[in-house]
Amino acid sequence: MSTGQQDTFESPYITMYMEGRVLICKYAANLHLSLDIAKSCVESRIFFTKGTDTLLLIDMTGIKSTTREARHYMATVGATKVIAAALITGSFVNRTLASIFLTVNKPPVPTRLFNDPGKAMQWLLQFNAT
């Protein structure tokens, strides 16, 4: 299947592809993000990017719920090899989950919420030279 991207990684939980130096990650629809799923997604990302430091644009509009353990994992181990992360949110519930993540879990890398993927990409590219 040719999607125009160089390579694509797909699992039941997430789809990933590179756009320049930015890794685009889109979570599956109606996903309930558990610790096991979070671990699988992070391991897949690190494998897919061959362990290189990466800018992430994460479309989390498909996430319907997360466990406390999954949020903690994403904010700690999940930040491994991440330069900066832009989180795309959709619904009020989705944006609330993302706000809680940023407020309570405080990822150790620059992380912001966006509704507009274009603005998210612009923000991420300021970190391109690092």
N, C-alpha and C. Protein backbone atom coordinates (compact mmCIF):
# COMPACT_ATOMS: atom_id res chain seq x y z
N MET A 1 0.84 -1.19 0.00
CA MET A 1 0.00 0.00 0.00
C MET A 1 0.88 1.24 0.00
N SER A 2 0.75 2.09 -0.96
CA SER A 2 1.51 3.32 -1.03
C SER A 2 0.66 4.47 -0.52
N THR A 3 1.13 5.14 0.54
CA THR A 3 0.39 6.26 1.11
C THR A 3 1.08 7.59 0.86
N GLY A 4 2.18 7.57 0.14
CA GLY A 4 2.93 8.80 -0.11
C GLY A 4 4.00 9.05 0.94
N GLN A 5 3.91 8.39 2.10
CA GLN A 5 4.94 8.52 3.11
C GLN A 5 6.04 7.51 2.82
N GLN A 6 7.22 7.75 3.40
CA GLN A 6 8.34 6.83 3.20
C GLN A 6 7.98 5.44 3.73
N ASP A 7 7.64 5.38 5.00
CA ASP A 7 7.30 4.13 5.66
C ASP A 7 6.14 4.41 6.60
N THR A 8 5.36 3.41 6.85
CA THR A 8 4.25 3.53 7.79
C THR A 8 4.28 2.33 8.73
N PHE A 9 4.05 2.60 10.00
CA PHE A 9 3.90 1.54 10.99
C PHE A 9 2.44 1.55 11.43
N GLU A 10 1.82 0.39 11.43
CA GLU A 10 0.43 0.30 11.88
C GLU A 10 0.28 -0.85 12.87
N SER A 11 -0.47 -0.59 13.92
CA SER A 11 -0.85 -1.62 14.88
C SER A 11 -2.33 -1.41 15.18
N PRO A 12 -2.94 -2.28 15.97
CA PRO A 12 -4.35 -2.05 16.33
C PRO A 12 -4.56 -0.76 17.13
N TYR A 13 -3.47 -0.19 17.68
CA TYR A 13 -3.59 0.96 18.57
C TYR A 13 -3.14 2.28 17.96
N ILE A 14 -2.20 2.22 17.01
CA ILE A 14 -1.58 3.46 16.53
C ILE A 14 -1.04 3.28 15.11
N THR A 15 -1.05 4.38 14.35
CA THR A 15 -0.41 4.44 13.04
C THR A 15 0.64 5.53 13.11
N MET A 16 1.83 5.25 12.56
CA MET A 16 2.93 6.22 12.60
C MET A 16 3.58 6.33 11.23
N TYR A 17 4.00 7.54 10.90
CA TYR A 17 4.81 7.77 9.70
C TYR A 17 5.60 9.06 9.87
N MET A 18 6.72 9.12 9.18
CA MET A 18 7.58 10.31 9.23
C MET A 18 7.15 11.31 8.17
N GLU A 19 7.16 12.57 8.56
CA GLU A 19 6.98 13.68 7.63
C GLU A 19 8.14 14.63 7.90
N GLY A 20 9.20 14.48 7.11
CA GLY A 20 10.45 15.18 7.40
C GLY A 20 11.05 14.61 8.66
N ARG A 21 11.37 15.49 9.63
CA ARG A 21 11.89 15.02 10.93
C ARG A 21 10.80 14.84 11.97
N VAL A 22 9.55 15.01 11.57
CA VAL A 22 8.43 14.91 12.51
C VAL A 22 7.76 13.55 12.34
N LEU A 23 7.60 12.86 13.45
CA LEU A 23 6.87 11.59 13.45
C LEU A 23 5.41 11.89 13.74
N ILE A 24 4.55 11.53 12.79
CA ILE A 24 3.11 11.69 12.96
C ILE A 24 2.57 10.39 13.57
N CYS A 25 1.88 10.51 14.70
CA CYS A 25 1.30 9.35 15.38
C CYS A 25 -0.20 9.59 15.52
N LYS A 26 -0.99 8.63 15.07
CA LYS A 26 -2.45 8.74 15.18
C LYS A 26 -2.97 7.52 15.91
N TYR A 27 -3.57 7.78 17.07
CA TYR A 27 -4.16 6.68 17.84
C TYR A 27 -5.44 6.19 17.18
N ALA A 28 -5.73 4.91 17.36
CA ALA A 28 -6.94 4.29 16.81
C ALA A 28 -8.19 4.91 17.44
N ALA A 29 -9.29 4.84 16.72
CA ALA A 29 -10.56 5.38 17.20
C ALA A 29 -11.05 4.59 18.41
N ASN A 30 -11.67 5.31 19.33
CA ASN A 30 -12.29 4.72 20.52
C ASN A 30 -11.31 3.92 21.37
N LEU A 31 -10.08 4.38 21.45
CA LEU A 31 -9.03 3.67 22.18
C LEU A 31 -9.11 3.94 23.68
N HIS A 32 -9.04 2.89 24.45
CA HIS A 32 -8.92 2.97 25.91
C HIS A 32 -7.45 2.65 26.20
N LEU A 33 -6.68 3.69 26.50
CA LEU A 33 -5.22 3.58 26.62
C LEU A 33 -4.84 3.03 28.00
N SER A 34 -4.46 1.77 28.02
CA SER A 34 -4.00 1.10 29.24
C SER A 34 -2.48 1.17 29.30
N LEU A 35 -1.92 0.73 30.41
CA LEU A 35 -0.47 0.69 30.54
C LEU A 35 0.16 -0.22 29.50
N ASP A 36 -0.42 -1.39 29.26
CA ASP A 36 0.13 -2.31 28.27
C ASP A 36 0.11 -1.71 26.87
N ILE A 37 -0.95 -1.03 26.52
CA ILE A 37 -1.04 -0.39 25.20
C ILE A 37 -0.03 0.75 25.11
N ALA A 38 0.10 1.53 26.17
CA ALA A 38 1.08 2.62 26.19
C ALA A 38 2.50 2.08 25.97
N LYS A 39 2.84 0.99 26.67
CA LYS A 39 4.16 0.38 26.51
C LYS A 39 4.37 -0.09 25.07
N SER A 40 3.37 -0.71 24.50
CA SER A 40 3.46 -1.19 23.13
C SER A 40 3.69 -0.04 22.16
N CYS A 41 2.96 1.06 22.33
CA CYS A 41 3.10 2.21 21.44
C CYS A 41 4.47 2.85 21.55
N VAL A 42 5.00 3.00 22.76
CA VAL A 42 6.32 3.61 22.95
C VAL A 42 7.41 2.72 22.37
N GLU A 43 7.34 1.42 22.65
CA GLU A 43 8.32 0.49 22.09
C GLU A 43 8.28 0.51 20.57
N SER A 44 7.09 0.55 19.99
CA SER A 44 6.95 0.60 18.53
C SER A 44 7.53 1.89 17.97
N ARG A 45 7.30 3.02 18.66
CA ARG A 45 7.84 4.30 18.19
C ARG A 45 9.35 4.28 18.19
N ILE A 46 9.95 3.81 19.26
CA ILE A 46 11.41 3.80 19.34
C ILE A 46 11.99 2.85 18.28
N PHE A 47 11.36 1.71 18.08
CA PHE A 47 11.82 0.78 17.04
C PHE A 47 11.65 1.41 15.66
N PHE A 48 10.49 2.01 15.39
CA PHE A 48 10.19 2.60 14.08
C PHE A 48 11.17 3.72 13.74
N THR A 49 11.56 4.52 14.74
CA THR A 49 12.47 5.65 14.50
C THR A 49 13.94 5.25 14.69
N LYS A 50 14.17 3.96 14.88
CA LYS A 50 15.53 3.43 15.04
C LYS A 50 16.28 4.12 16.19
N GLY A 51 15.54 4.50 17.23
CA GLY A 51 16.14 5.07 18.42
C GLY A 51 16.65 6.49 18.27
N THR A 52 16.26 7.19 17.21
CA THR A 52 16.71 8.57 17.04
C THR A 52 15.81 9.54 17.80
N ASP A 53 16.38 10.67 18.22
CA ASP A 53 15.60 11.71 18.86
C ASP A 53 14.61 12.25 17.84
N THR A 54 13.37 12.43 18.26
CA THR A 54 12.29 12.69 17.32
C THR A 54 11.35 13.79 17.81
N LEU A 55 10.85 14.57 16.86
CA LEU A 55 9.74 15.50 17.11
C LEU A 55 8.46 14.71 16.89
N LEU A 56 7.48 14.85 17.80
CA LEU A 56 6.24 14.08 17.69
C LEU A 56 5.03 14.98 17.51
N LEU A 57 4.22 14.66 16.51
CA LEU A 57 2.90 15.25 16.36
C LEU A 57 1.93 14.09 16.62
N ILE A 58 1.23 14.16 17.74
CA ILE A 58 0.39 13.04 18.18
C ILE A 58 -1.07 13.42 18.06
N ASP A 59 -1.77 12.72 17.17
CA ASP A 59 -3.21 12.90 17.03
C ASP A 59 -3.89 11.97 18.02
N MET A 60 -4.36 12.54 19.11
CA MET A 60 -4.96 11.73 20.16
C MET A 60 -6.48 11.83 20.17
N THR A 61 -7.05 12.25 19.04
CA THR A 61 -8.50 12.40 18.97
C THR A 61 -9.24 11.08 19.11
N GLY A 62 -8.56 9.95 18.86
CA GLY A 62 -9.20 8.65 18.99
C GLY A 62 -9.23 8.12 20.41
N ILE A 63 -8.45 8.72 21.31
CA ILE A 63 -8.39 8.22 22.68
C ILE A 63 -9.66 8.60 23.43
N LYS A 64 -10.32 7.59 23.99
CA LYS A 64 -11.55 7.82 24.76
C LYS A 64 -11.30 7.83 26.26
N SER A 65 -10.26 7.11 26.70
CA SER A 65 -9.92 7.11 28.13
C SER A 65 -8.49 6.64 28.29
N THR A 66 -7.92 6.97 29.44
CA THR A 66 -6.57 6.51 29.76
C THR A 66 -6.55 6.11 31.24
N THR A 67 -5.68 5.19 31.56
CA THR A 67 -5.49 4.86 32.97
C THR A 67 -4.43 5.79 33.55
N ARG A 68 -4.46 5.93 34.85
CA ARG A 68 -3.47 6.74 35.54
C ARG A 68 -2.06 6.22 35.25
N GLU A 69 -1.91 4.90 35.25
CA GLU A 69 -0.61 4.28 35.00
C GLU A 69 -0.11 4.56 33.58
N ALA A 70 -1.03 4.54 32.62
CA ALA A 70 -0.65 4.83 31.23
C ALA A 70 -0.19 6.28 31.09
N ARG A 71 -0.90 7.21 31.73
CA ARG A 71 -0.50 8.62 31.66
C ARG A 71 0.88 8.83 32.29
N HIS A 72 1.11 8.19 33.43
CA HIS A 72 2.41 8.32 34.08
C HIS A 72 3.52 7.75 33.20
N TYR A 73 3.27 6.59 32.61
CA TYR A 73 4.26 5.96 31.73
C TYR A 73 4.57 6.85 30.53
N MET A 74 3.54 7.41 29.90
CA MET A 74 3.76 8.26 28.73
C MET A 74 4.55 9.51 29.08
N ALA A 75 4.37 10.04 30.29
CA ALA A 75 5.07 11.26 30.70
C ALA A 75 6.50 10.98 31.14
N THR A 76 6.85 9.74 31.40
CA THR A 76 8.20 9.42 31.86
C THR A 76 8.92 8.62 30.78
N VAL A 77 8.74 7.33 30.77
CA VAL A 77 9.39 6.47 29.77
C VAL A 77 8.96 6.87 28.37
N GLY A 78 7.71 7.27 28.22
CA GLY A 78 7.18 7.65 26.90
C GLY A 78 7.87 8.86 26.29
N ALA A 79 8.55 9.64 27.11
CA ALA A 79 9.27 10.81 26.60
C ALA A 79 10.69 10.47 26.12
N THR A 80 11.07 9.20 26.24
CA THR A 80 12.39 8.76 25.80
C THR A 80 12.57 9.02 24.30
N LYS A 81 13.68 9.65 23.95
CA LYS A 81 14.04 9.95 22.55
C LYS A 81 13.06 10.94 21.90
N VAL A 82 12.38 11.77 22.71
CA VAL A 82 11.46 12.78 22.20
C VAL A 82 12.09 14.15 22.42
N ILE A 83 12.15 14.96 21.36
CA ILE A 83 12.66 16.33 21.45
C ILE A 83 11.55 17.25 21.94
N ALA A 84 10.37 17.14 21.32
CA ALA A 84 9.18 17.92 21.69
C ALA A 84 7.97 17.19 21.15
N ALA A 85 6.81 17.45 21.78
CA ALA A 85 5.58 16.77 21.36
C ALA A 85 4.43 17.76 21.26
N ALA A 86 3.71 17.69 20.15
CA ALA A 86 2.48 18.46 19.96
C ALA A 86 1.33 17.47 19.99
N LEU A 87 0.35 17.73 20.85
CA LEU A 87 -0.80 16.84 21.01
C LEU A 87 -2.01 17.47 20.34
N ILE A 88 -2.58 16.75 19.37
CA ILE A 88 -3.78 17.21 18.69
C ILE A 88 -4.98 16.64 19.41
N THR A 89 -5.87 17.53 19.86
CA THR A 89 -7.06 17.10 20.57
C THR A 89 -8.30 17.45 19.75
N GLY A 90 -9.39 16.83 20.09
CA GLY A 90 -10.63 17.07 19.35
C GLY A 90 -11.75 17.47 20.28
N SER A 91 -12.46 16.50 20.81
CA SER A 91 -13.63 16.75 21.64
C SER A 91 -13.24 17.37 22.98
N PHE A 92 -14.24 17.85 23.68
CA PHE A 92 -14.02 18.41 25.01
C PHE A 92 -13.41 17.37 25.94
N VAL A 93 -13.92 16.15 25.89
CA VAL A 93 -13.40 15.07 26.74
C VAL A 93 -11.93 14.80 26.40
N ASN A 94 -11.62 14.75 25.11
CA ASN A 94 -10.26 14.49 24.66
C ASN A 94 -9.31 15.59 25.13
N ARG A 95 -9.74 16.83 24.99
CA ARG A 95 -8.90 17.97 25.41
C ARG A 95 -8.72 17.96 26.93
N THR A 96 -9.75 17.58 27.66
CA THR A 96 -9.67 17.50 29.11
C THR A 96 -8.64 16.44 29.52
N LEU A 97 -8.68 15.27 28.88
CA LEU A 97 -7.69 14.22 29.17
C LEU A 97 -6.27 14.74 28.93
N ALA A 98 -6.07 15.44 27.82
CA ALA A 98 -4.75 15.96 27.48
C ALA A 98 -4.32 17.03 28.48
N SER A 99 -5.23 17.88 28.90
CA SER A 99 -4.91 18.92 29.89
C SER A 99 -4.51 18.31 31.22
N ILE A 100 -5.22 17.27 31.63
CA ILE A 100 -4.88 16.57 32.87
C ILE A 100 -3.47 15.98 32.75
N PHE A 101 -3.20 15.36 31.60
CA PHE A 101 -1.88 14.78 31.36
C PHE A 101 -0.79 15.83 31.54
N LEU A 102 -0.96 17.00 30.92
CA LEU A 102 0.07 18.03 30.99
C LEU A 102 0.19 18.63 32.39
N THR A 103 -0.92 18.78 33.08
CA THR A 103 -0.92 19.39 34.40
C THR A 103 -0.40 18.46 35.49
N VAL A 104 -0.89 17.23 35.48
CA VAL A 104 -0.55 16.28 36.54
C VAL A 104 0.76 15.56 36.27
N ASN A 105 0.94 15.09 35.03
CA ASN A 105 2.09 14.24 34.73
C ASN A 105 3.33 15.01 34.27
N LYS A 106 3.17 16.23 33.78
CA LYS A 106 4.28 17.11 33.42
C LYS A 106 5.42 16.41 32.67
N PRO A 107 5.23 16.15 31.37
CA PRO A 107 6.31 15.53 30.59
C PRO A 107 7.59 16.35 30.66
N PRO A 108 8.76 15.69 30.62
CA PRO A 108 10.04 16.40 30.74
C PRO A 108 10.52 17.07 29.45
N VAL A 109 9.72 17.02 28.39
CA VAL A 109 10.07 17.65 27.12
C VAL A 109 9.00 18.69 26.79
N PRO A 110 9.33 19.70 25.96
CA PRO A 110 8.32 20.67 25.57
C PRO A 110 7.11 19.96 24.95
N THR A 111 5.91 20.26 25.49
CA THR A 111 4.68 19.60 25.05
C THR A 111 3.55 20.62 25.08
N ARG A 112 2.80 20.70 23.97
CA ARG A 112 1.68 21.64 23.89
C ARG A 112 0.48 20.98 23.25
N LEU A 113 -0.71 21.53 23.57
CA LEU A 113 -1.97 21.07 22.98
C LEU A 113 -2.34 21.95 21.80
N PHE A 114 -2.90 21.32 20.77
CA PHE A 114 -3.35 22.04 19.57
C PHE A 114 -4.65 21.44 19.07
N ASN A 115 -5.45 22.27 18.41
CA ASN A 115 -6.61 21.80 17.66
C ASN A 115 -6.25 21.67 16.18
N ASP A 116 -5.29 22.49 15.75
CA ASP A 116 -4.91 22.60 14.34
C ASP A 116 -3.57 21.91 14.08
N PRO A 117 -3.55 20.83 13.28
CA PRO A 117 -2.29 20.14 13.00
C PRO A 117 -1.24 21.04 12.34
N GLY A 118 -1.68 21.98 11.51
CA GLY A 118 -0.73 22.89 10.85
C GLY A 118 0.00 23.76 11.85
N LYS A 119 -0.72 24.29 12.83
CA LYS A 119 -0.09 25.11 13.87
C LYS A 119 0.81 24.25 14.75
N ALA A 120 0.40 23.01 14.99
CA ALA A 120 1.23 22.09 15.77
C ALA A 120 2.55 21.84 15.06
N MET A 121 2.48 21.62 13.74
CA MET A 121 3.69 21.36 12.96
C MET A 121 4.61 22.58 12.99
N GLN A 122 4.05 23.78 12.84
CA GLN A 122 4.87 25.00 12.90
C GLN A 122 5.58 25.11 14.24
N TRP A 123 4.86 24.84 15.32
CA TRP A 123 5.46 24.91 16.65
C TRP A 123 6.60 23.90 16.78
N LEU A 124 6.37 22.67 16.32
CA LEU A 124 7.39 21.62 16.42
C LEU A 124 8.66 21.98 15.65
N LEU A 125 8.49 22.58 14.48
CA LEU A 125 9.65 22.85 13.63
C LEU A 125 10.63 23.86 14.21
N GLN A 126 10.20 24.60 15.23
CA GLN A 126 11.16 25.50 15.89
C GLN A 126 12.24 24.69 16.61
N PHE A 127 11.95 23.43 16.91
CA PHE A 127 12.91 22.56 17.58
C PHE A 127 13.76 21.77 16.59
N ASN A 128 13.54 21.98 15.30
CA ASN A 128 14.19 21.20 14.25
C ASN A 128 15.71 21.32 14.28
N ALA A 129 16.24 22.45 14.69
CA ALA A 129 17.68 22.67 14.65
C ALA A 129 18.41 22.04 15.84
N THR A 130 17.67 21.55 16.83
CA THR A 130 18.34 21.01 18.02
C THR A 130 18.92 19.64 17.77
